[in-house]
């Protein structure tokens, strides 16, 4: 991992009250662009702890990830036909399509039912110097509770594979991430420790799924399906402290973008049919 902080940190004020050790669950209270802390800046390999998605489809097929609408950090482009032969989603390492590519994702007309190929091109001055090919695999295609899983190589000497799963959620974590957003996705750490605090939503601790797995990232849809601010994303708990490395961060953000875009397409199709 590159120990130097990413470029966005120079624009963010330091909050000395957050200099303490990161607790087991870190609530995603990142509503201001100055909410980052020095400890979190150095823990994250590539992205800030939380970002918003901004877009205007009538003007361009490119949207942005950023701390605010004025402070855009990463560009994301989607192919017009989406399920064609070209990559259906490209994440750039900067706010324009002229910046280097961080990841490309290729889906097909089956969308939610088949594995999706994701490629991280070589980064000569970054974490990996060769291309990395990964997959997002549908673990459950239930319309009520679909899940999507992926694996990445763990960091550190002798580390094995780490397994994660995206699950739909209406939980309290989503409500805390973005007021008024009652629906989204949570990423759970399948190969991590199981907490005894699992169970019903009323009984379990914040940041813990019903099966006791830890929630390490969240994606919250904009409840109004705004045509300018589409979603809010945040890393949580172990996902904030650098344990999983840069490849995992890129994989997590890109897979979250894919799931958000599938939901967005579904919402637009339903609106057009009504």
Protein backbone atom coordinates (compact mmCIF):
# COMPACT_ATOMS: atom_id res chain seq x y z
CA UNK A 1 0.00 0.00 0.00
CA UNK A 2 1.25 3.45 -0.83
CA UNK A 3 1.70 5.14 2.58
CA UNK A 4 1.19 8.65 1.21
CA UNK A 5 -2.31 10.10 1.60
CA UNK A 6 -4.47 10.39 -1.55
CA UNK A 7 -4.87 13.78 -3.26
CA UNK A 8 -8.24 14.61 -1.73
CA UNK A 9 -6.79 14.90 1.77
CA UNK A 10 -5.22 18.27 1.13
CA UNK A 11 -8.72 19.76 0.80
CA UNK A 12 -10.08 18.28 4.04
CA UNK A 13 -9.75 19.86 7.46
CA UNK A 14 -8.53 17.66 10.30
CA UNK A 15 -10.91 16.90 13.14
CA UNK A 16 -8.74 16.31 16.20
CA UNK A 17 -11.64 14.69 18.08
CA UNK A 18 -11.44 11.75 15.67
CA UNK A 19 -7.76 11.09 16.25
CA UNK A 20 -8.60 8.25 18.67
CA UNK A 21 -8.37 4.59 17.74
CA UNK A 22 -11.11 3.45 15.33
CA UNK A 23 -13.73 1.46 17.29
CA UNK A 24 -15.23 -1.85 16.18
CA UNK A 25 -18.10 0.02 14.53
CA UNK A 26 -17.58 3.52 13.16
CA UNK A 27 -20.86 5.24 12.43
CA UNK A 28 -20.86 6.78 8.92
CA UNK A 29 -21.49 10.34 10.12
CA UNK A 30 -19.78 12.06 7.20
CA UNK A 31 -22.22 14.79 6.22
CA UNK A 32 -19.65 17.55 5.80
CA UNK A 33 -16.60 17.61 3.55
CA UNK A 34 -14.42 18.45 6.57
CA UNK A 35 -15.43 15.35 8.54
CA UNK A 36 -12.38 13.25 7.72
CA UNK A 37 -9.60 12.74 10.26
CA UNK A 38 -5.86 12.26 10.01
CA UNK A 39 -6.13 8.70 11.31
CA UNK A 40 -8.72 7.78 8.66
CA UNK A 41 -6.78 9.48 5.88
CA UNK A 42 -3.77 7.26 6.47
CA UNK A 43 -5.87 4.13 6.98
CA UNK A 44 -7.66 4.34 3.63
CA UNK A 45 -5.58 3.29 0.64
CA UNK A 46 -7.47 4.99 -2.17
CA UNK A 47 -10.85 6.52 -1.29
CA UNK A 48 -12.23 8.85 1.38
CA UNK A 49 -14.38 7.19 4.06
CA UNK A 50 -17.61 8.40 2.41
CA UNK A 51 -18.67 9.80 -0.98
CA UNK A 52 -21.79 10.91 -2.85
CA UNK A 53 -22.77 10.07 -6.41
CA UNK A 54 -23.66 13.04 -8.64
CA UNK A 55 -25.04 12.84 -12.18
CA UNK A 56 -27.12 14.52 -14.89
CA UNK A 57 -28.19 11.93 -17.48
CA UNK A 58 -29.67 14.49 -19.89
CA UNK A 59 -26.24 16.00 -20.37
CA UNK A 60 -23.79 13.10 -20.20
CA UNK A 61 -23.43 9.38 -19.51
CA UNK A 62 -20.62 10.21 -17.07
CA UNK A 63 -21.31 10.79 -13.38
CA UNK A 64 -19.04 11.56 -10.44
CA UNK A 65 -18.09 10.47 -6.95
CA UNK A 66 -17.16 13.24 -4.55
CA UNK A 67 -17.36 14.81 -1.13
CA UNK A 68 -19.62 17.57 -2.47
CA UNK A 69 -21.04 18.52 -5.89
CA UNK A 70 -18.18 21.01 -6.22
CA UNK A 71 -15.47 18.63 -5.01
CA UNK A 72 -15.64 15.72 -7.46
CA UNK A 73 -12.93 13.11 -7.05
CA UNK A 74 -13.66 10.23 -9.45
CA UNK A 75 -15.50 9.97 -12.78
CA UNK A 76 -17.66 6.99 -13.74
CA UNK A 77 -18.92 6.33 -17.27
CA UNK A 78 -21.60 3.89 -18.37
CA UNK A 79 -22.08 2.53 -21.86
CA UNK A 80 -25.30 3.65 -23.53
CA UNK A 81 -26.52 0.12 -24.28
CA UNK A 82 -25.14 -1.14 -20.93
CA UNK A 83 -25.45 -4.85 -21.76
CA UNK A 84 -23.39 -4.76 -24.96
CA UNK A 85 -19.88 -5.95 -25.81
CA UNK A 86 -18.17 -2.89 -24.36
CA UNK A 87 -17.48 -2.42 -20.64
CA UNK A 88 -20.78 -1.37 -19.08
CA UNK A 89 -19.05 0.70 -16.39
CA UNK A 90 -15.65 2.37 -16.10
CA UNK A 91 -14.25 3.97 -12.93
CA UNK A 92 -11.53 6.61 -13.47
CA UNK A 93 -8.76 7.66 -11.10
CA UNK A 94 -9.77 11.32 -11.23
CA UNK A 95 -12.71 13.58 -12.11
CA UNK A 96 -12.47 13.24 -15.92
CA UNK A 97 -12.53 10.47 -18.53
CA UNK A 98 -8.99 11.50 -19.46
CA UNK A 99 -7.71 10.26 -16.08
CA UNK A 100 -6.28 6.71 -15.74
CA UNK A 101 -8.78 3.85 -15.46
CA UNK A 102 -9.12 2.30 -12.01
CA UNK A 103 -11.55 -0.48 -12.97
CA UNK A 104 -13.77 -1.71 -15.80
CA UNK A 105 -16.88 -3.81 -15.31
CA UNK A 106 -18.60 -5.86 -18.02
CA UNK A 107 -22.14 -7.12 -17.59
CA UNK A 108 -24.57 -8.73 -20.04
CA UNK A 109 -28.31 -8.89 -20.70
CA UNK A 110 -28.85 -11.27 -17.79
CA UNK A 111 -27.64 -8.57 -15.40
CA UNK A 112 -28.39 -9.97 -11.97
CA UNK A 113 -28.34 -13.67 -12.83
CA UNK A 114 -24.77 -14.30 -14.05
CA UNK A 115 -21.28 -13.45 -12.78
CA UNK A 116 -20.01 -10.01 -13.74
CA UNK A 117 -16.39 -9.58 -14.84
CA UNK A 118 -14.39 -6.78 -13.26
CA UNK A 119 -10.83 -5.85 -14.27
CA UNK A 120 -8.33 -3.61 -12.51
CA UNK A 121 -5.73 -2.55 -15.11
CA UNK A 122 -2.05 -2.32 -14.15
CA UNK A 123 -1.10 0.65 -11.95
CA UNK A 124 2.66 1.17 -12.47
CA UNK A 125 2.86 3.70 -9.65
CA UNK A 126 0.12 2.17 -7.51
CA UNK A 127 -0.62 -0.98 -5.57
CA UNK A 128 -0.45 -3.54 -8.42
CA UNK A 129 1.71 -3.58 -11.54
CA UNK A 130 -0.31 -6.24 -13.37
CA UNK A 131 -3.99 -6.54 -14.32
CA UNK A 132 -6.30 -8.13 -11.76
CA UNK A 133 -9.40 -10.00 -12.93
CA UNK A 134 -12.23 -10.52 -10.45
CA UNK A 135 -15.89 -11.50 -10.50
CA UNK A 136 -19.08 -10.42 -8.77
CA UNK A 137 -21.12 -13.60 -8.40
CA UNK A 138 -24.88 -13.73 -7.70
CA UNK A 139 -25.16 -15.74 -4.49
CA UNK A 140 -28.95 -15.48 -4.41
CA UNK A 141 -31.22 -14.30 -7.23
CA UNK A 142 -34.30 -13.92 -5.02
CA UNK A 143 -36.17 -10.73 -5.91
CA UNK A 144 -36.81 -10.13 -2.23
CA UNK A 145 -33.28 -10.79 -0.93
CA UNK A 146 -30.72 -10.87 -3.76
CA UNK A 147 -27.07 -11.16 -2.77
CA UNK A 148 -23.82 -10.71 -4.70
CA UNK A 149 -20.47 -12.09 -3.52
CA UNK A 150 -16.82 -11.47 -4.39
CA UNK A 151 -13.38 -12.44 -3.11
CA UNK A 152 -10.09 -10.58 -2.89
CA UNK A 153 -6.64 -11.60 -1.78
CA UNK A 154 -5.96 -10.66 1.84
CA UNK A 155 -3.09 -8.37 2.74
CA UNK A 156 -0.08 -9.28 4.84
CA UNK A 157 2.26 -12.28 4.85
CA UNK A 158 0.46 -15.59 4.55
CA UNK A 159 -2.95 -13.97 4.13
CA UNK A 160 -5.62 -16.04 2.40
CA UNK A 161 -8.69 -15.07 0.40
CA UNK A 162 -11.22 -12.71 1.96
CA UNK A 163 -14.90 -13.21 1.09
CA UNK A 164 -17.60 -10.53 1.02
CA UNK A 165 -21.28 -10.32 0.13
CA UNK A 166 -23.57 -7.45 -0.85
CA UNK A 167 -27.08 -7.72 0.64
CA UNK A 168 -30.13 -5.50 0.31
CA UNK A 169 -30.94 -3.63 3.50
CA UNK A 170 -33.43 -1.28 5.13
CA UNK A 171 -31.49 -1.30 8.40
CA UNK A 172 -30.56 1.44 10.83
CA UNK A 173 -27.09 1.74 9.31
CA UNK A 174 -28.63 3.01 6.06
CA UNK A 175 -30.81 5.50 7.94
CA UNK A 176 -27.77 6.82 9.80
CA UNK A 177 -25.71 7.08 6.63
CA UNK A 178 -28.24 9.26 4.80
CA UNK A 179 -31.30 10.76 6.48
CA UNK A 180 -34.42 9.94 4.50
CA UNK A 181 -32.76 7.06 2.66
CA UNK A 182 -34.53 3.89 3.76
CA UNK A 183 -33.09 1.43 1.25
CA UNK A 184 -29.71 0.33 0.01
CA UNK A 185 -27.01 -2.34 0.14
CA UNK A 186 -24.67 -3.50 2.90
CA UNK A 187 -21.39 -5.33 2.34
CA UNK A 188 -20.70 -8.01 4.95
CA UNK A 189 -17.35 -9.66 5.67
CA UNK A 190 -18.10 -13.39 5.29
CA UNK A 191 -14.62 -14.65 6.19
CA UNK A 192 -14.27 -12.36 9.20
CA UNK A 193 -15.15 -12.96 12.86
CA UNK A 194 -18.77 -13.75 13.69
CA UNK A 195 -20.28 -11.49 16.34
CA UNK A 196 -22.61 -12.92 18.95
CA UNK A 197 -24.76 -9.82 18.55
CA UNK A 198 -26.54 -11.10 15.43
CA UNK A 199 -30.28 -11.72 15.37
CA UNK A 200 -33.33 -9.57 14.70
CA UNK A 201 -32.87 -5.94 13.69
CA UNK A 202 -34.07 -4.70 17.09
CA UNK A 203 -31.70 -6.98 19.01
CA UNK A 204 -28.39 -6.78 17.18
CA UNK A 205 -25.70 -4.13 17.47
CA UNK A 206 -25.17 -1.44 14.87
CA UNK A 207 -22.80 -2.60 12.16
CA UNK A 208 -23.67 -6.30 12.55
CA UNK A 209 -25.84 -8.29 10.13
CA UNK A 210 -28.49 -10.80 11.19
CA UNK A 211 -26.02 -13.71 10.88
CA UNK A 212 -23.42 -11.94 13.03
CA UNK A 213 -21.15 -10.89 10.15
CA UNK A 214 -19.61 -7.42 10.25
CA UNK A 215 -20.84 -4.70 7.87
CA UNK A 216 -17.82 -3.08 6.20
CA UNK A 217 -19.47 -0.83 3.56
CA UNK A 218 -22.86 0.70 2.73
CA UNK A 219 -24.60 2.14 -0.32
CA UNK A 220 -27.73 4.24 0.29
CA UNK A 221 -30.06 5.17 -2.56
CA UNK A 222 -31.49 8.66 -2.74
CA UNK A 223 -35.11 8.05 -1.72
CA UNK A 224 -36.34 10.56 -4.30
CA UNK A 225 -34.18 9.11 -7.13
CA UNK A 226 -32.80 12.60 -7.63
CA UNK A 227 -31.44 13.35 -11.07
CA UNK A 228 -28.43 15.10 -9.55
CA UNK A 229 -27.54 13.26 -6.31
CA UNK A 230 -28.13 9.56 -6.75
CA UNK A 231 -26.62 7.82 -3.73
CA UNK A 232 -24.31 7.93 -0.73
CA UNK A 233 -21.51 5.43 -0.11
CA UNK A 234 -19.43 4.79 3.03
CA UNK A 235 -16.84 2.37 4.35
CA UNK A 236 -17.43 1.14 7.90
CA UNK A 237 -15.56 -0.48 10.81
CA UNK A 238 -12.78 -2.80 9.55
CA UNK A 239 -13.37 -1.38 6.08
CA UNK A 240 -12.01 1.93 7.37
CA UNK A 241 -8.73 0.83 8.90
CA UNK A 242 -6.81 -0.33 5.82
CA UNK A 243 -7.02 -4.05 6.64
CA UNK A 244 -8.19 -5.12 3.18
CA UNK A 245 -6.00 -2.91 0.99
CA UNK A 246 -6.39 -0.92 -2.22
CA UNK A 247 -7.66 -3.74 -4.46
CA UNK A 248 -10.54 -4.40 -2.06
CA UNK A 249 -11.44 -0.71 -1.90
CA UNK A 250 -11.59 -0.45 -5.70
CA UNK A 251 -13.55 -3.71 -5.95
CA UNK A 252 -15.99 -2.58 -3.27
CA UNK A 253 -16.67 0.82 -4.83
CA UNK A 254 -17.00 -0.60 -8.36
CA UNK A 255 -19.35 -3.40 -7.32
CA UNK A 256 -21.45 -0.90 -5.34
CA UNK A 257 -21.71 1.30 -8.45
CA UNK A 258 -22.85 -1.71 -10.47
CA UNK A 259 -25.61 -2.61 -8.00
CA UNK A 260 -26.75 0.99 -7.75
CA UNK A 261 -26.95 1.28 -11.53
CA UNK A 262 -28.96 -1.94 -11.84
CA UNK A 263 -31.43 -0.58 -9.28
CA UNK A 264 -31.52 2.78 -11.02
CA UNK A 265 -32.32 1.13 -14.35
CA UNK A 266 -35.07 -0.90 -12.69
CA UNK A 267 -36.60 2.21 -11.15
CA UNK A 268 -36.53 4.10 -14.45
CA UNK A 269 -38.08 1.17 -16.32
CA UNK A 270 -40.85 0.89 -13.72
CA UNK A 271 -41.52 4.63 -13.94
CA UNK A 272 -41.70 4.49 -17.74
CA UNK A 273 -44.15 1.56 -17.63
CA UNK A 274 -46.50 3.23 -15.13
